Protein backbone atom coordinates (compact mmCIF):
# COMPACT_ATOMS: atom_id res chain seq x y z
CA UNK A 1 0.00 0.00 0.00
CA UNK A 2 1.34 3.45 -0.91
CA UNK A 3 1.74 6.19 1.65
CA UNK A 4 -0.21 9.20 0.38
CA UNK A 5 1.03 11.56 3.06
CA UNK A 6 3.17 14.31 1.61
CA UNK A 7 5.67 16.47 3.38
CA UNK A 8 4.52 20.04 3.66
CA UNK A 9 6.88 22.77 2.51
CA UNK A 10 8.75 24.81 5.10
CA UNK A 11 8.63 28.59 5.25
CA UNK A 12 10.89 30.75 7.41
CA UNK A 13 9.75 33.88 9.24
CA UNK A 14 12.33 36.52 10.21
CA UNK A 15 12.06 39.57 12.46
CA UNK A 16 13.09 43.22 12.38
CA UNK A 17 16.05 44.79 14.14
CA UNK A 18 13.87 46.51 16.73
CA UNK A 19 13.53 43.14 18.47
CA UNK A 20 17.26 43.22 19.14
CA UNK A 21 16.62 45.83 21.85
CA UNK A 22 12.96 45.35 22.79
CA UNK A 23 11.01 42.16 23.54
CA UNK A 24 8.63 40.78 20.93
CA UNK A 25 5.06 40.59 22.29
CA UNK A 26 4.68 36.96 21.14
CA UNK A 27 7.83 35.60 22.81
CA UNK A 28 10.97 36.80 24.55
CA UNK A 29 12.90 34.27 22.43
CA UNK A 30 12.27 36.19 19.20
CA UNK A 31 15.40 37.92 17.92
CA UNK A 32 16.45 39.24 14.50
CA UNK A 33 19.35 36.74 14.41
CA UNK A 34 16.91 33.82 14.44
CA UNK A 35 13.90 32.57 12.52
CA UNK A 36 10.69 30.61 13.06
CA UNK A 37 9.92 27.68 10.80
CA UNK A 38 6.32 27.23 9.65
CA UNK A 39 5.06 24.20 7.75
CA UNK A 40 2.30 25.14 5.34
CA UNK A 41 0.79 24.05 2.05
CA UNK A 42 1.36 27.45 0.38
CA UNK A 43 3.01 30.81 0.99
CA UNK A 44 -0.44 32.33 1.62
CA UNK A 45 -1.17 29.78 4.36
CA UNK A 46 2.27 30.38 5.92
CA UNK A 47 1.63 34.14 5.88
CA UNK A 48 -1.75 33.69 7.54
CA UNK A 49 -0.11 31.54 10.24
CA UNK A 50 2.60 34.19 10.78
CA UNK A 51 -0.10 36.85 11.17
CA UNK A 52 -1.94 34.62 13.64
CA UNK A 53 1.22 34.04 15.70
CA UNK A 54 2.96 37.44 15.45
CA UNK A 55 0.45 39.94 14.10
CA UNK A 56 2.22 42.35 11.75
CA UNK A 57 5.45 42.16 13.80
CA UNK A 58 7.70 40.14 11.50
CA UNK A 59 9.96 41.12 8.60
CA UNK A 60 10.00 38.47 5.87
CA UNK A 61 8.76 35.00 5.00
CA UNK A 62 11.11 32.93 2.87
CA UNK A 63 10.43 29.78 0.91
CA UNK A 64 12.91 27.03 1.78
CA UNK A 65 14.93 27.24 -1.44
CA UNK A 66 15.50 30.99 -1.07
CA UNK A 67 16.12 30.74 2.67
CA UNK A 68 18.97 28.26 2.21
CA UNK A 69 20.90 31.02 0.39
CA UNK A 70 20.62 33.51 3.27
CA UNK A 71 20.38 31.23 6.31
CA UNK A 72 23.87 32.32 7.40
CA UNK A 73 22.43 35.74 8.30
CA UNK A 74 20.53 34.10 11.18
CA UNK A 75 23.25 32.63 13.42
CA UNK A 76 20.92 31.91 16.35
CA UNK A 77 19.07 29.41 14.20
CA UNK A 78 15.53 28.25 14.67
CA UNK A 79 13.52 29.93 17.43
CA UNK A 80 11.30 27.58 19.41
CA UNK A 81 8.14 29.23 20.63
């Protein structure tokens, strides 16, 4: 029997520099040198999830392929909420 479950794409949410010096309302762990990974079917669904979690207080959402090219800018790695 075939397994019809598919892996969902990963999207990566980053945060602005103001959270270097002030706490983010969603979590004290949020920092501009880190990112939050969101699994979602599409970019639009990932964006809606980011809005649900963080309101408008995030900078960018990257698709996995594009994020791999700039991941080195986020040395703290993945932020666990």
